[in-house]
N, C-alpha and C. Protein backbone atom coordinates (compact mmCIF):
# COMPACT_ATOMS: atom_id res chain seq x y z
N MET A 1 310.18 171.25 15.27
CA MET A 1 311.59 171.41 15.42
C MET A 1 312.10 170.47 16.40
N THR A 2 313.08 169.79 15.86
CA THR A 2 314.04 168.88 16.72
C THR A 2 314.87 169.62 17.45
N LYS A 3 315.38 169.02 18.51
CA LYS A 3 316.26 169.53 19.44
C LYS A 3 317.56 169.73 18.53
N ALA A 4 317.97 168.88 17.75
CA ALA A 4 319.08 169.27 16.98
C ALA A 4 319.02 170.57 16.03
N GLU A 5 317.80 170.58 15.45
CA GLU A 5 317.48 171.75 14.76
C GLU A 5 317.44 173.19 15.54
N PHE A 6 316.83 172.98 16.74
CA PHE A 6 316.97 174.10 17.52
C PHE A 6 318.48 174.51 18.00
N ILE A 7 319.30 173.49 18.33
CA ILE A 7 320.54 173.83 18.69
C ILE A 7 321.37 174.47 17.44
N ARG A 8 320.99 174.06 16.23
CA ARG A 8 321.64 174.71 15.01
C ARG A 8 321.23 176.18 14.96
N GLU A 9 319.85 176.50 15.27
CA GLU A 9 319.48 177.81 15.10
C GLU A 9 319.95 178.62 16.28
N LEU A 10 320.12 178.01 17.37
CA LEU A 10 320.54 178.74 18.57
C LEU A 10 322.03 179.01 18.32
N ALA A 11 322.74 178.33 17.68
CA ALA A 11 324.14 178.28 17.34
C ALA A 11 324.28 179.43 16.53
N GLY A 12 323.42 179.59 15.56
CA GLY A 12 323.60 180.88 14.65
C GLY A 12 323.37 182.08 15.51
N VAL A 13 322.37 182.16 16.24
CA VAL A 13 322.08 183.26 17.04
C VAL A 13 323.43 183.81 18.01
N LEU A 14 323.94 182.74 18.54
CA LEU A 14 325.12 183.00 19.55
C LEU A 14 326.46 183.02 18.82
N MET A 15 326.18 182.72 17.37
CA MET A 15 327.67 182.66 16.77
C MET A 15 328.79 181.70 17.34
N GLU A 16 328.25 180.49 17.51
CA GLU A 16 328.95 179.38 17.94
C GLU A 16 328.73 178.17 17.17
N SER A 17 329.57 177.24 17.24
CA SER A 17 329.40 176.03 16.44
C SER A 17 328.44 175.22 17.36
N PRO A 18 327.58 174.42 16.66
CA PRO A 18 326.55 173.57 17.26
C PRO A 18 327.13 172.64 18.23
N GLU A 19 328.35 172.11 17.82
CA GLU A 19 328.86 171.05 18.82
C GLU A 19 329.41 171.77 20.07
N ASN A 20 329.48 172.92 20.17
CA ASN A 20 329.81 173.66 21.42
C ASN A 20 328.60 173.90 22.19
N LEU A 21 327.54 173.67 21.77
CA LEU A 21 326.30 173.90 22.58
C LEU A 21 325.58 172.68 23.14
N GLU A 22 326.18 172.11 24.08
CA GLU A 22 325.57 170.91 24.68
C GLU A 22 324.59 171.44 25.83
N PRO A 23 323.56 170.57 26.23
CA PRO A 23 322.64 171.24 27.09
C PRO A 23 323.24 171.68 28.34
N HIS A 24 324.30 171.16 28.92
CA HIS A 24 325.03 171.53 30.08
C HIS A 24 325.84 172.95 29.97
N VAL A 25 325.96 173.31 28.76
CA VAL A 25 326.96 174.44 28.65
C VAL A 25 326.32 175.79 29.27
N GLU A 26 327.26 176.48 30.01
CA GLU A 26 326.81 177.66 30.77
C GLU A 26 326.77 178.69 29.73
N LEU A 27 325.62 179.46 29.62
CA LEU A 27 325.58 180.78 28.62
C LEU A 27 326.76 181.84 28.97
N GLN A 28 326.71 182.05 30.26
CA GLN A 28 327.67 183.12 30.74
C GLN A 28 329.04 182.92 30.33
N LYS A 29 329.51 181.83 29.98
CA LYS A 29 330.76 181.32 29.45
C LYS A 29 331.08 181.64 28.05
N LEU A 30 329.99 181.78 27.24
CA LEU A 30 329.98 182.13 25.90
C LEU A 30 330.63 183.50 25.60
N PRO A 31 331.48 183.77 24.71
CA PRO A 31 331.90 185.09 24.58
C PRO A 31 330.92 186.08 23.99
N THR A 32 329.92 185.56 23.25
CA THR A 32 328.77 186.24 22.58
C THR A 32 327.49 186.34 23.42
N TRP A 33 327.49 186.00 24.68
CA TRP A 33 326.27 185.95 25.55
C TRP A 33 326.28 187.51 26.07
N ASP A 34 325.36 188.17 25.47
CA ASP A 34 325.12 189.65 25.73
C ASP A 34 323.76 189.95 25.36
N SER A 35 323.40 191.27 25.46
CA SER A 35 321.95 191.61 25.21
C SER A 35 321.45 191.46 23.77
N THR A 36 322.53 191.43 22.68
CA THR A 36 322.04 190.99 21.44
C THR A 36 321.90 189.72 21.39
N ALA A 37 322.45 188.65 22.14
CA ALA A 37 322.10 187.34 22.07
C ALA A 37 320.76 187.15 22.71
N VAL A 38 320.40 187.90 23.70
CA VAL A 38 319.13 187.67 24.34
C VAL A 38 318.05 187.98 23.32
N LEU A 39 318.17 189.15 22.73
CA LEU A 39 317.28 189.64 21.66
C LEU A 39 317.04 188.61 20.63
N GLY A 40 318.22 188.16 20.28
CA GLY A 40 318.14 187.08 19.04
C GLY A 40 317.43 185.74 19.50
N ILE A 41 317.63 185.29 20.83
CA ILE A 41 316.80 184.16 21.37
C ILE A 41 315.24 184.48 21.46
N ILE A 42 315.00 185.65 21.84
CA ILE A 42 313.43 186.10 21.91
C ILE A 42 312.99 185.93 20.46
N VAL A 43 313.76 186.46 19.53
CA VAL A 43 313.30 186.39 17.94
C VAL A 43 313.08 184.90 17.57
N LEU A 44 314.08 184.25 17.81
CA LEU A 44 314.11 182.63 17.49
C LEU A 44 312.87 182.02 17.92
N LEU A 45 312.47 182.37 19.50
CA LEU A 45 311.46 181.59 19.94
C LEU A 45 310.05 182.10 19.49
N GLU A 46 310.10 183.48 19.20
CA GLU A 46 308.79 183.85 18.55
C GLU A 46 308.43 183.56 17.25
N GLU A 47 309.39 183.45 16.45
CA GLU A 47 309.49 183.18 14.94
C GLU A 47 309.23 181.51 14.63
N ASN A 48 309.92 180.85 15.64
CA ASN A 48 309.82 179.47 15.20
C ASN A 48 308.84 178.82 16.04
N PHE A 49 308.29 179.19 17.06
CA PHE A 49 307.44 178.59 17.96
C PHE A 49 306.17 179.32 18.42
N GLY A 50 306.12 180.71 17.94
CA GLY A 50 305.08 181.50 18.53
C GLY A 50 305.08 181.80 20.03
N ILE A 51 306.34 181.73 20.60
CA ILE A 51 306.19 181.93 21.98
C ILE A 51 306.90 183.18 22.34
N THR A 52 306.04 183.98 23.09
CA THR A 52 306.40 185.24 23.39
C THR A 52 307.02 185.28 24.87
N VAL A 53 308.24 185.72 25.05
CA VAL A 53 309.02 185.50 26.18
C VAL A 53 309.41 186.76 26.62
N ASN A 54 309.20 187.20 28.03
CA ASN A 54 309.63 188.47 28.62
C ASN A 54 311.08 188.40 28.48
N GLU A 55 311.66 189.47 27.93
CA GLU A 55 313.18 189.63 27.69
C GLU A 55 314.03 189.54 29.06
N GLU A 56 313.23 189.92 30.12
CA GLU A 56 314.00 189.69 31.45
C GLU A 56 314.17 188.40 31.89
N LEU A 57 313.35 187.46 31.21
CA LEU A 57 313.59 185.91 31.40
C LEU A 57 314.75 185.28 30.97
N ILE A 58 315.03 185.82 29.77
CA ILE A 58 316.21 184.99 29.15
C ILE A 58 317.45 185.19 29.89
N PRO A 59 317.93 186.33 30.40
CA PRO A 59 319.22 186.46 31.28
C PRO A 59 319.02 185.46 32.37
N SER A 60 317.84 185.07 32.90
CA SER A 60 317.98 184.18 33.99
C SER A 60 318.14 182.74 33.61
N CYS A 61 318.23 182.55 32.36
CA CYS A 61 318.56 181.15 31.75
C CYS A 61 320.09 181.09 32.06
N LYS A 62 320.53 179.86 32.76
CA LYS A 62 321.96 179.65 33.11
C LYS A 62 322.70 178.72 31.98
N THR A 63 321.88 177.85 31.43
CA THR A 63 322.44 176.80 30.41
C THR A 63 321.62 176.93 29.19
N VAL A 64 322.33 176.18 28.31
CA VAL A 64 321.60 175.87 26.93
C VAL A 64 320.34 175.07 27.16
N GLN A 65 320.36 174.14 28.28
CA GLN A 65 319.05 173.42 28.31
C GLN A 65 318.06 174.27 28.91
N ASP A 66 318.16 175.39 29.73
CA ASP A 66 317.44 176.36 30.37
C ASP A 66 316.78 176.93 29.12
N VAL A 67 317.35 177.43 28.01
CA VAL A 67 316.86 178.11 26.97
C VAL A 67 315.71 176.98 26.20
N MET A 68 316.27 175.75 26.03
CA MET A 68 315.58 174.65 25.40
C MET A 68 314.14 174.49 26.20
N ASN A 69 314.33 174.59 27.46
CA ASN A 69 313.11 174.43 28.38
C ASN A 69 311.95 175.38 27.97
N LEU A 70 312.38 176.63 27.66
CA LEU A 70 311.28 177.86 27.34
C LEU A 70 310.50 177.22 26.26
N CYS A 71 310.97 176.29 25.30
CA CYS A 71 310.16 175.87 24.17
C CYS A 71 309.19 174.79 24.69
N GLY A 72 309.29 174.33 25.83
CA GLY A 72 308.25 173.40 26.32
C GLY A 72 308.21 172.18 25.58
N ASP A 73 306.98 171.68 25.16
CA ASP A 73 306.94 170.46 24.46
C ASP A 73 307.02 170.59 22.93
N LYS A 74 307.19 171.91 22.60
CA LYS A 74 307.27 172.18 21.01
C LYS A 74 308.65 171.71 20.34
N LEU A 75 309.54 171.16 21.12
CA LEU A 75 310.80 170.41 20.60
C LEU A 75 310.59 169.00 20.80
N VAL A 76 310.86 168.24 19.63
CA VAL A 76 310.62 166.93 19.45
C VAL A 76 312.07 166.20 19.52
């Protein structure tokens, strides 16, 4: 999956426009950043990358880039 594709998928989870999700964007400033978004990101990572993430790790992500970093080298 490319970074652009991931941003589109993440935008769907966060109910945001992909254009609003630059890597530096702070997740806490998004109106939809809540426990439902955290669960959605966990599902996104598991279904698309086979990555199992501890649900307590996601809230420690501060920016979109932090979420992308969870994918490791699986984003091209």
